Amino acid sequence: MDSNGRFPCGAAGGNIAGGLFKKINLGTLGNSLAGIVGGGLGGQLLVLLGAGGAAGGGLNLGSIVSSVLGGGVGGGVLMAIIGAIRNALKKPA
């Protein structure tokens, strides 16, 4: 699975994190966009660390697992970071 598999997994990870943590939820579009970016970054980080599966983008178990985990976890983490920053910058009413 190539890097394109990380983007939908990242979007899913962002939306799952938004559903689990209501205080940092950015809405469906915001969760998805943050998740897509985070999924790409998380998957790329795994590749740089050597845990990204086959470099040729083959469809093997290692590359599928790294795309799902790197994309989903990276998407959820980036969405949580952005949500926390957004909440910290809100002015108290």
PDB file of N, CA and C in Angstrom:
ATOM      1  N   MET A   1       0.866  -1.175   0.000  1.00  0.00           N
ATOM      2  CA  MET A   1       0.000   0.000   0.000  1.00  0.00           C
ATOM      3  C   MET A   1       0.904   1.227   0.000  1.00  0.00           C
ATOM      4  N   ASP A   2       0.669   2.131  -0.907  1.00  0.00           N
ATOM      5  CA  ASP A   2       1.512   3.320  -0.978  1.00  0.00           C
ATOM      6  C   ASP A   2       1.016   4.398  -0.019  1.00  0.00           C
ATOM      7  N   SER A   3       1.609   5.555  -0.119  1.00  0.00           N
ATOM      8  CA  SER A   3       1.270   6.622   0.822  1.00  0.00           C
ATOM      9  C   SER A   3      -0.171   7.086   0.699  1.00  0.00           C
ATOM     10  N   ASN A   4      -0.830   6.810  -0.416  1.00  0.00           N
ATOM     11  CA  ASN A   4      -2.230   7.212  -0.551  1.00  0.00           C
ATOM     12  C   ASN A   4      -3.138   6.486   0.431  1.00  0.00           C
ATOM     13  N   GLY A   5      -2.724   5.336   0.918  1.00  0.00           N
ATOM     14  CA  GLY A   5      -3.516   4.612   1.911  1.00  0.00           C
ATOM     15  C   GLY A   5      -3.488   5.274   3.278  1.00  0.00           C
ATOM     16  N   ARG A   6      -2.473   6.093   3.518  1.00  0.00           N
ATOM     17  CA  ARG A   6      -2.362   6.761   4.820  1.00  0.00           C
ATOM     18  C   ARG A   6      -3.399   7.874   4.975  1.00  0.00           C
ATOM     19  N   PHE A   7      -3.769   8.500   3.874  1.00  0.00           N
ATOM     20  CA  PHE A   7      -4.667   9.647   3.955  1.00  0.00           C
ATOM     21  C   PHE A   7      -6.067   9.272   4.432  1.00  0.00           C
ATOM     22  N   PRO A   8      -6.712   8.249   3.855  1.00  0.00           N
ATOM     23  CA  PRO A   8      -8.025   7.888   4.406  1.00  0.00           C
ATOM     24  C   PRO A   8      -7.938   7.345   5.834  1.00  0.00           C
ATOM     25  N   CYS A   9      -6.850   6.641   6.138  1.00  0.00           N
ATOM     26  CA  CYS A   9      -6.667   6.159   7.519  1.00  0.00           C
ATOM     27  C   CYS A   9      -6.464   7.330   8.462  1.00  0.00           C
ATOM     28  N   GLY A  10      -5.756   8.351   8.010  1.00  0.00           N
ATOM     29  CA  GLY A  10      -5.573   9.552   8.822  1.00  0.00           C
ATOM     30  C   GLY A  10      -6.885  10.279   9.053  1.00  0.00           C
ATOM     31  N   ALA A  11      -7.695  10.393   8.005  1.00  0.00           N
ATOM     32  CA  ALA A  11      -9.004  11.042   8.155  1.00  0.00           C
ATOM     33  C   ALA A  11      -9.867  10.263   9.139  1.00  0.00           C
ATOM     34  N   ALA A  12      -9.831   8.947   9.039  1.00  0.00           N
ATOM     35  CA  ALA A  12     -10.597   8.122   9.987  1.00  0.00           C
ATOM     36  C   ALA A  12     -10.063   8.308  11.403  1.00  0.00           C
ATOM     37  N   GLY A  13      -8.741   8.320  11.554  1.00  0.00           N
ATOM     38  CA  GLY A  13      -8.149   8.508  12.877  1.00  0.00           C
ATOM     39  C   GLY A  13      -8.507   9.854  13.477  1.00  0.00           C
ATOM     40  N   GLY A  14      -8.514  10.894  12.659  1.00  0.00           N
ATOM     41  CA  GLY A  14      -8.898  12.220  13.138  1.00  0.00           C
ATOM     42  C   GLY A  14     -10.342  12.264  13.599  1.00  0.00           C
ATOM     43  N   ASN A  15     -11.223  11.624  12.858  1.00  0.00           N
ATOM     44  CA  ASN A  15     -12.635  11.626  13.232  1.00  0.00           C
ATOM     45  C   ASN A  15     -12.914  10.736  14.436  1.00  0.00           C
ATOM     46  N   ILE A  16     -12.182   9.644  14.561  1.00  0.00           N
ATOM     47  CA  ILE A  16     -12.340   8.793  15.740  1.00  0.00           C
ATOM     48  C   ILE A  16     -11.879   9.547  16.980  1.00  0.00           C
ATOM     49  N   ALA A  17     -10.736  10.220  16.877  1.00  0.00           N
ATOM     50  CA  ALA A  17     -10.243  11.008  18.020  1.00  0.00           C
ATOM     51  C   ALA A  17     -11.220  12.124  18.363  1.00  0.00           C
ATOM     52  N   GLY A  18     -11.782  12.773  17.355  1.00  0.00           N
ATOM     53  CA  GLY A  18     -12.771  13.824  17.603  1.00  0.00           C
ATOM     54  C   GLY A  18     -14.020  13.299  18.270  1.00  0.00           C
ATOM     55  N   GLY A  19     -14.416  12.080  17.921  1.00  0.00           N
ATOM     56  CA  GLY A  19     -15.576  11.471  18.558  1.00  0.00           C
ATOM     57  C   GLY A  19     -15.306  11.049  19.994  1.00  0.00           C
ATOM     58  N   LEU A  20     -14.079  10.627  20.267  1.00  0.00           N
ATOM     59  CA  LEU A  20     -13.731  10.184  21.618  1.00  0.00           C
ATOM     60  C   LEU A  20     -13.496  11.351  22.576  1.00  0.00           C
ATOM     61  N   PHE A  21     -12.932  12.423  22.057  1.00  0.00           N
ATOM     62  CA  PHE A  21     -12.560  13.571  22.892  1.00  0.00           C
ATOM     63  C   PHE A  21     -13.343  14.797  22.427  1.00  0.00           C
ATOM     64  N   LYS A  22     -14.537  14.956  22.974  1.00  0.00           N
ATOM     65  CA  LYS A  22     -15.454  16.005  22.524  1.00  0.00           C
ATOM     66  C   LYS A  22     -14.903  17.421  22.726  1.00  0.00           C
ATOM     67  N   LYS A  23     -14.067  17.636  23.728  1.00  0.00           N
ATOM     68  CA  LYS A  23     -13.554  18.982  23.998  1.00  0.00           C
ATOM     69  C   LYS A  23     -12.592  19.473  22.924  1.00  0.00           C
ATOM     70  N   ILE A  24     -11.967  18.560  22.202  1.00  0.00           N
ATOM     71  CA  ILE A  24     -11.012  18.975  21.162  1.00  0.00           C
ATOM     72  C   ILE A  24     -11.549  18.713  19.761  1.00  0.00           C
ATOM     73  N   ASN A  25     -12.816  18.332  19.667  1.00  0.00           N
ATOM     74  CA  ASN A  25     -13.433  18.047  18.381  1.00  0.00           C
ATOM     75  C   ASN A  25     -13.422  19.290  17.499  1.00  0.00           C
ATOM     76  N   LEU A  26     -12.976  19.136  16.248  1.00  0.00           N
ATOM     77  CA  LEU A  26     -12.913  20.251  15.298  1.00  0.00           C
ATOM     78  C   LEU A  26     -14.054  20.214  14.288  1.00  0.00           C
ATOM     79  N   GLY A  27     -14.992  19.326  14.464  1.00  0.00           N
ATOM     80  CA  GLY A  27     -16.045  19.126  13.479  1.00  0.00           C
ATOM     81  C   GLY A  27     -15.562  18.119  12.443  1.00  0.00           C
ATOM     82  N   THR A  28     -16.474  17.576  11.667  1.00  0.00           N
ATOM     83  CA  THR A  28     -16.117  16.520  10.721  1.00  0.00           C
ATOM     84  C   THR A  28     -15.062  16.972   9.714  1.00  0.00           C
ATOM     85  N   LEU A  29     -15.240  18.157   9.134  1.00  0.00           N
ATOM     86  CA  LEU A  29     -14.280  18.628   8.140  1.00  0.00           C
ATOM     87  C   LEU A  29     -12.922  18.920   8.776  1.00  0.00           C
ATOM     88  N   GLY A  30     -12.920  19.587   9.906  1.00  0.00           N
ATOM     89  CA  GLY A  30     -11.664  19.895  10.582  1.00  0.00           C
ATOM     90  C   GLY A  30     -10.937  18.644  11.046  1.00  0.00           C
ATOM     91  N   ASN A  31     -11.691  17.692  11.603  1.00  0.00           N
ATOM     92  CA  ASN A  31     -11.092  16.424  12.020  1.00  0.00           C
ATOM     93  C   ASN A  31     -10.486  15.695  10.829  1.00  0.00           C
ATOM     94  N   SER A  32     -11.222  15.697   9.717  1.00  0.00           N
ATOM     95  CA  SER A  32     -10.741  14.994   8.525  1.00  0.00           C
ATOM     96  C   SER A  32      -9.493  15.644   7.958  1.00  0.00           C
ATOM     97  N   LEU A  33      -9.500  16.962   7.844  1.00  0.00           N
ATOM     98  CA  LEU A  33      -8.332  17.649   7.278  1.00  0.00           C
ATOM     99  C   LEU A  33      -7.097  17.486   8.163  1.00  0.00           C
ATOM    100  N   ALA A  34      -7.268  17.667   9.466  1.00  0.00           N
ATOM    101  CA  ALA A  34      -6.143  17.467  10.381  1.00  0.00           C
ATOM    102  C   ALA A  34      -5.689  16.014  10.345  1.00  0.00           C
ATOM    103  N   GLY A  35      -6.626  15.099  10.244  1.00  0.00           N
ATOM    104  CA  GLY A  35      -6.291  13.681  10.175  1.00  0.00           C
ATOM    105  C   GLY A  35      -5.538  13.312   8.916  1.00  0.00           C
ATOM    106  N   ILE A  36      -5.936  13.892   7.780  1.00  0.00           N
ATOM    107  CA  ILE A  36      -5.250  13.618   6.522  1.00  0.00           C
ATOM    108  C   ILE A  36      -3.798  14.083   6.591  1.00  0.00           C
ATOM    109  N   VAL A  37      -3.586  15.286   7.080  1.00  0.00           N
ATOM    110  CA  VAL A  37      -2.217  15.809   7.218  1.00  0.00           C
ATOM    111  C   VAL A  37      -1.436  14.964   8.217  1.00  0.00           C
ATOM    112  N   GLY A  38      -2.042  14.687   9.359  1.00  0.00           N
ATOM    113  CA  GLY A  38      -1.377  13.879  10.377  1.00  0.00           C
ATOM    114  C   GLY A  38      -1.112  12.459   9.908  1.00  0.00           C
ATOM    115  N   GLY A  39      -2.023  11.906   9.124  1.00  0.00           N
ATOM    116  CA  GLY A  39      -1.817  10.565   8.582  1.00  0.00           C
ATOM    117  C   GLY A  39      -0.634  10.509   7.637  1.00  0.00           C
ATOM    118  N   GLY A  40      -0.510  11.519   6.788  1.00  0.00           N
ATOM    119  CA  GLY A  40       0.641  11.581   5.891  1.00  0.00           C
ATOM    120  C   GLY A  40       1.937  11.737   6.655  1.00  0.00           C
ATOM    121  N   LEU A  41       1.922  12.600   7.663  1.00  0.00           N
ATOM    122  CA  LEU A  41       3.132  12.820   8.461  1.00  0.00           C
ATOM    123  C   LEU A  41       3.479  11.602   9.312  1.00  0.00           C
ATOM    124  N   GLY A  42       2.472  10.989   9.919  1.00  0.00           N
ATOM    125  CA  GLY A  42       2.713   9.810  10.748  1.00  0.00           C
ATOM    126  C   GLY A  42       3.242   8.644   9.938  1.00  0.00           C
ATOM    127  N   GLY A  43       2.681   8.436   8.761  1.00  0.00           N
ATOM    128  CA  GLY A  43       3.166   7.362   7.895  1.00  0.00           C
ATOM    129  C   GLY A  43       4.572   7.628   7.407  1.00  0.00           C
ATOM    130  N   GLN A  44       4.849   8.874   7.066  1.00  0.00           N
ATOM    131  CA  GLN A  44       6.189   9.230   6.613  1.00  0.00           C
ATOM    132  C   GLN A  44       7.210   9.061   7.732  1.00  0.00           C
ATOM    133  N   LEU A  45       6.808   9.380   8.946  1.00  0.00           N
ATOM    134  CA  LEU A  45       7.696   9.200  10.086  1.00  0.00           C
ATOM    135  C   LEU A  45       8.050   7.724  10.275  1.00  0.00           C
ATOM    136  N   LEU A  46       7.071   6.845  10.101  1.00  0.00           N
ATOM    137  CA  LEU A  46       7.352   5.415  10.200  1.00  0.00           C
ATOM    138  C   LEU A  46       8.328   4.963   9.127  1.00  0.00           C
ATOM    139  N   VAL A  47       8.177   5.486   7.917  1.00  0.00           N
ATOM    140  CA  VAL A  47       9.104   5.138   6.834  1.00  0.00           C
ATOM    141  C   VAL A  47      10.514   5.604   7.181  1.00  0.00           C
ATOM    142  N   LEU A  48      10.634   6.822   7.696  1.00  0.00           N
ATOM    143  CA  LEU A  48      11.949   7.344   8.060  1.00  0.00           C
ATOM    144  C   LEU A  48      12.587   6.549   9.194  1.00  0.00           C
ATOM    145  N   LEU A  49      11.770   6.012  10.085  1.00  0.00           N
ATOM    146  CA  LEU A  49      12.279   5.212  11.194  1.00  0.00           C
ATOM    147  C   LEU A  49      12.557   3.769  10.786  1.00  0.00           C
ATOM    148  N   GLY A  50      12.229   3.427   9.544  1.00  0.00           N
ATOM    149  CA  GLY A  50      12.487   2.078   9.059  1.00  0.00           C
ATOM    150  C   GLY A  50      11.387   1.087   9.327  1.00  0.00           C
ATOM    151  N   ALA A  51      10.247   1.537   9.797  1.00  0.00           N
ATOM    152  CA  ALA A  51       9.129   0.632  10.087  1.00  0.00           C
ATOM    153  C   ALA A  51       7.998   0.819   9.086  1.00  0.00           C
ATOM    154  N   GLY A  52       8.317   1.357   7.916  1.00  0.00           N
ATOM    155  CA  GLY A  52       7.272   1.703   6.961  1.00  0.00           C
ATOM    156  C   GLY A  52       6.968   0.665   5.921  1.00  0.00           C
ATOM    157  N   GLY A  53       7.367  -0.570   6.108  1.00  0.00           N
ATOM    158  CA  GLY A  53       7.076  -1.599   5.124  1.00  0.00           C
ATOM    159  C   GLY A  53       8.005  -1.485   3.930  1.00  0.00           C
ATOM    160  N   ALA A  54       7.613  -2.046   2.847  1.00  0.00           N
ATOM    161  CA  ALA A  54       8.456  -2.095   1.654  1.00  0.00           C
ATOM    162  C   ALA A  54       8.574  -0.723   1.022  1.00  0.00           C
ATOM    163  N   ALA A  55       9.775  -0.369   0.623  1.00  0.00           N
ATOM    164  CA  ALA A  55      10.005   0.931   0.001  1.00  0.00           C
ATOM    165  C   ALA A  55       9.363   1.017  -1.367  1.00  0.00           C
ATOM    166  N   GLY A  56       9.172  -0.113  -2.023  1.00  0.00           N
ATOM    167  CA  GLY A  56       8.578  -0.120  -3.356  1.00  0.00           C
ATOM    168  C   GLY A  56       7.079   0.065  -3.345  1.00  0.00           C
ATOM    169  N   GLY A  57       6.476   0.147  -2.196  1.00  0.00           N
ATOM    170  CA  GLY A  57       5.030   0.354  -2.129  1.00  0.00           C
ATOM    171  C   GLY A  57       4.249  -0.905  -2.410  1.00  0.00           C
ATOM    172  N   GLY A  58       4.857  -2.064  -2.193  1.00  0.00           N
ATOM    173  CA  GLY A  58       4.187  -3.325  -2.460  1.00  0.00           C
ATOM    174  C   GLY A  58       3.002  -3.538  -1.527  1.00  0.00           C
ATOM    175  N   LEU A  59       2.148  -4.466  -1.936  1.00  0.00           N
ATOM    176  CA  LEU A  59       0.958  -4.758  -1.145  1.00  0.00           C
ATOM    177  C   LEU A  59       1.256  -5.959  -0.255  1.00  0.00           C
ATOM    178  N   ASN A  60       2.040  -5.726   0.797  1.00  0.00           N
ATOM    179  CA  ASN A  60       2.336  -6.791   1.746  1.00  0.00           C
ATOM    180  C   ASN A  60       1.794  -6.401   3.112  1.00  0.00           C
ATOM    181  N   LEU A  61       1.793  -7.352   4.014  1.00  0.00           N
ATOM    182  CA  LEU A  61       1.194  -7.119   5.331  1.00  0.00           C
ATOM    183  C   LEU A  61       1.880  -5.981   6.085  1.00  0.00           C
ATOM    184  N   GLY A  62       3.196  -5.898   6.007  1.00  0.00           N
ATOM    185  CA  GLY A  62       3.925  -4.841   6.707  1.00  0.00           C
ATOM    186  C   GLY A  62       3.559  -3.458   6.228  1.00  0.00           C
ATOM    187  N   SER A  63       3.428  -3.291   4.914  1.00  0.00           N
ATOM    188  CA  SER A  63       3.091  -1.956   4.405  1.00  0.00           C
ATOM    189  C   SER A  63       1.645  -1.589   4.705  1.00  0.00           C
ATOM    190  N   ILE A  64       0.757  -2.576   4.709  1.00  0.00           N
ATOM    191  CA  ILE A  64      -0.648  -2.300   5.036  1.00  0.00           C
ATOM    192  C   ILE A  64      -0.781  -1.897   6.497  1.00  0.00           C
ATOM    193  N   VAL A  65      -0.144  -2.650   7.387  1.00  0.00           N
ATOM    194  CA  VAL A  65      -0.218  -2.342   8.818  1.00  0.00           C
ATOM    195  C   VAL A  65       0.405  -0.983   9.110  1.00  0.00           C
ATOM    196  N   SER A  66       1.553  -0.687   8.477  1.00  0.00           N
ATOM    197  CA  SER A  66       2.185   0.605   8.733  1.00  0.00           C
ATOM    198  C   SER A  66       1.336   1.753   8.199  1.00  0.00           C
ATOM    199  N   SER A  67       0.653   1.562   7.087  1.00  0.00           N
ATOM    200  CA  SER A  67      -0.219   2.610   6.563  1.00  0.00           C
ATOM    201  C   SER A  67      -1.404   2.847   7.484  1.00  0.00           C
ATOM    202  N   VAL A  68      -2.014   1.774   7.954  1.00  0.00           N
ATOM    203  CA  VAL A  68      -3.177   1.905   8.828  1.00  0.00           C
ATOM    204  C   VAL A  68      -2.772   2.512  10.165  1.00  0.00           C
ATOM    205  N   LEU A  69      -1.726   1.968  10.779  1.00  0.00           N
ATOM    206  CA  LEU A  69      -1.309   2.479  12.084  1.00  0.00           C
ATOM    207  C   LEU A  69      -0.701   3.874  11.983  1.00  0.00           C
ATOM    208  N   GLY A  70       0.216   4.057  11.037  1.00  0.00           N
ATOM    209  CA  GLY A  70       0.841   5.372  10.890  1.00  0.00           C
ATOM    210  C   GLY A  70      -0.165   6.437  10.514  1.00  0.00           C
ATOM    211  N   GLY A  71      -1.062   6.103   9.596  1.00  0.00           N
ATOM    212  CA  GLY A  71      -2.070   7.060   9.184  1.00  0.00           C
ATOM    213  C   GLY A  71      -3.097   7.333  10.261  1.00  0.00           C
ATOM    214  N   GLY A  72      -3.643   6.285  10.830  1.00  0.00           N
ATOM    215  CA  GLY A  72      -4.684   6.453  11.851  1.00  0.00           C
ATOM    216  C   GLY A  72      -4.182   7.117  13.115  1.00  0.00           C
ATOM    217  N   VAL A  73      -3.068   6.647  13.622  1.00  0.00           N
ATOM    218  CA  VAL A  73      -2.516   7.224  14.853  1.00  0.00           C
ATOM    219  C   VAL A  73      -2.012   8.640  14.595  1.00  0.00           C
ATOM    220  N   GLY A  74      -1.296   8.830  13.482  1.00  0.00           N
ATOM    221  CA  GLY A  74      -0.806  10.173  13.151  1.00  0.00           C
ATOM    222  C   GLY A  74      -1.941  11.166  12.981  1.00  0.00           C
ATOM    223  N   GLY A  75      -3.021  10.723  12.333  1.00  0.00           N
ATOM    224  CA  GLY A  75      -4.181  11.594  12.156  1.00  0.00           C
ATOM    225  C   GLY A  75      -4.844  11.953  13.461  1.00  0.00           C
ATOM    226  N   GLY A  76      -5.008  10.972  14.327  1.00  0.00           N
ATOM    227  CA  GLY A  76      -5.621  11.234  15.626  1.00  0.00           C
ATOM    228  C   GLY A  76      -4.773  12.139  16.501  1.00  0.00           C
ATOM    229  N   VAL A  77      -3.465  11.918  16.482  1.00  0.00           N
ATOM    230  CA  VAL A  77      -2.568  12.722  17.315  1.00  0.00           C
ATOM    231  C   VAL A  77      -2.541  14.174  16.840  1.00  0.00           C
ATOM    232  N   LEU A  78      -2.412  14.388  15.525  1.00  0.00           N
ATOM    233  CA  LEU A  78      -2.368  15.768  15.034  1.00  0.00           C
ATOM    234  C   LEU A  78      -3.691  16.485  15.287  1.00  0.00           C
ATOM    235  N   MET A  79      -4.812  15.787  15.105  1.00  0.00           N
ATOM    236  CA  MET A  79      -6.111  16.401  15.371  1.00  0.00           C
ATOM    237  C   MET A  79      -6.215  16.786  16.849  1.00  0.00           C
ATOM    238  N   ALA A  80      -5.726  15.928  17.742  1.00  0.00           N
ATOM    239  CA  ALA A  80      -5.771  16.232  19.174  1.00  0.00           C
ATOM    240  C   ALA A  80      -4.894  17.430  19.511  1.00  0.00           C
ATOM    241  N   ILE A  81      -3.728  17.514  18.903  1.00  0.00           N
ATOM    242  CA  ILE A  81      -2.834  18.648  19.146  1.00  0.00           C
ATOM    243  C   ILE A  81      -3.473  19.949  18.673  1.00  0.00           C
ATOM    244  N   ILE A  82      -4.023  19.940  17.472  1.00  0.00           N
ATOM    245  CA  ILE A  82      -4.660  21.151  16.941  1.00  0.00           C
ATOM    246  C   ILE A  82      -5.862  21.546  17.791  1.00  0.00           C
ATOM    247  N   GLY A  83      -6.675  20.567  18.201  1.00  0.00           N
ATOM    248  CA  GLY A  83      -7.828  20.854  19.049  1.00  0.00           C
ATOM    249  C   GLY A  83      -7.426  21.437  20.397  1.00  0.00           C
ATOM    250  N   ALA A  84      -6.364  20.897  20.981  1.00  0.00           N
ATOM    251  CA  ALA A  84      -5.896  21.407  22.276  1.00  0.00           C
ATOM    252  C   ALA A  84      -5.358  22.829  22.145  1.00  0.00           C
ATOM    253  N   ILE A  85      -4.631  23.099  21.076  1.00  0.00           N
ATOM    254  CA  ILE A  85      -4.121  24.459  20.842  1.00  0.00           C
ATOM    255  C   ILE A  85      -5.280  25.426  20.625  1.00  0.00           C
ATOM    256  N   ARG A  86      -6.256  24.997  19.843  1.00  0.00           N
ATOM    257  CA  ARG A  86      -7.424  25.853  19.591  1.00  0.00           C
ATOM    258  C   ARG A  86      -8.146  26.182  20.897  1.00  0.00           C
ATOM    259  N   ASN A  87      -8.321  25.186  21.741  1.00  0.00           N
ATOM    260  CA  ASN A  87      -8.993  25.432  23.031  1.00  0.00           C
ATOM    261  C   ASN A  87      -8.169  26.321  23.940  1.00  0.00           C
ATOM    262  N   ALA A  88      -6.858  26.181  23.914  1.00  0.00           N
ATOM    263  CA  ALA A  88      -5.987  26.998  24.757  1.00  0.00           C
ATOM    264  C   ALA A  88      -5.998  28.470  24.312  1.00  0.00           C
ATOM    265  N   LEU A  89      -6.217  28.693  23.025  1.00  0.00           N
ATOM    266  CA  LEU A  89      -6.215  30.063  22.507  1.00  0.00           C
ATOM    267  C   LEU A  89      -7.558  30.755  22.627  1.00  0.00           C
ATOM    268  N   LYS A  90      -8.603  29.996  22.952  1.00  0.00           N
ATOM    269  CA  LYS A  90      -9.923  30.603  23.123  1.00  0.00           C
ATOM    270  C   LYS A  90      -9.896  31.532  24.317  1.00  0.00           C
ATOM    271  N   LYS A  91     -10.522  32.677  24.140  1.00  0.00           N
ATOM    272  CA  LYS A  91     -10.626  33.622  25.259  1.00  0.00           C
ATOM    273  C   LYS A  91     -11.809  33.219  26.116  1.00  0.00           C
ATOM    274  N   PRO A  92     -11.639  33.262  27.422  1.00  0.00           N
ATOM    275  CA  PRO A  92     -12.763  32.940  28.305  1.00  0.00           C
ATOM    276  C   PRO A  92     -13.903  33.955  28.130  1.00  0.00           C
ATOM    277  N   ALA A  93     -15.107  33.455  28.169  1.00  0.00           N
ATOM    278  CA  ALA A  93     -16.277  34.333  27.959  1.00  0.00           C
ATOM    279  C   ALA A  93     -16.619  35.098  29.203  1.00  0.00           C
TER     280      ALA A  93
END
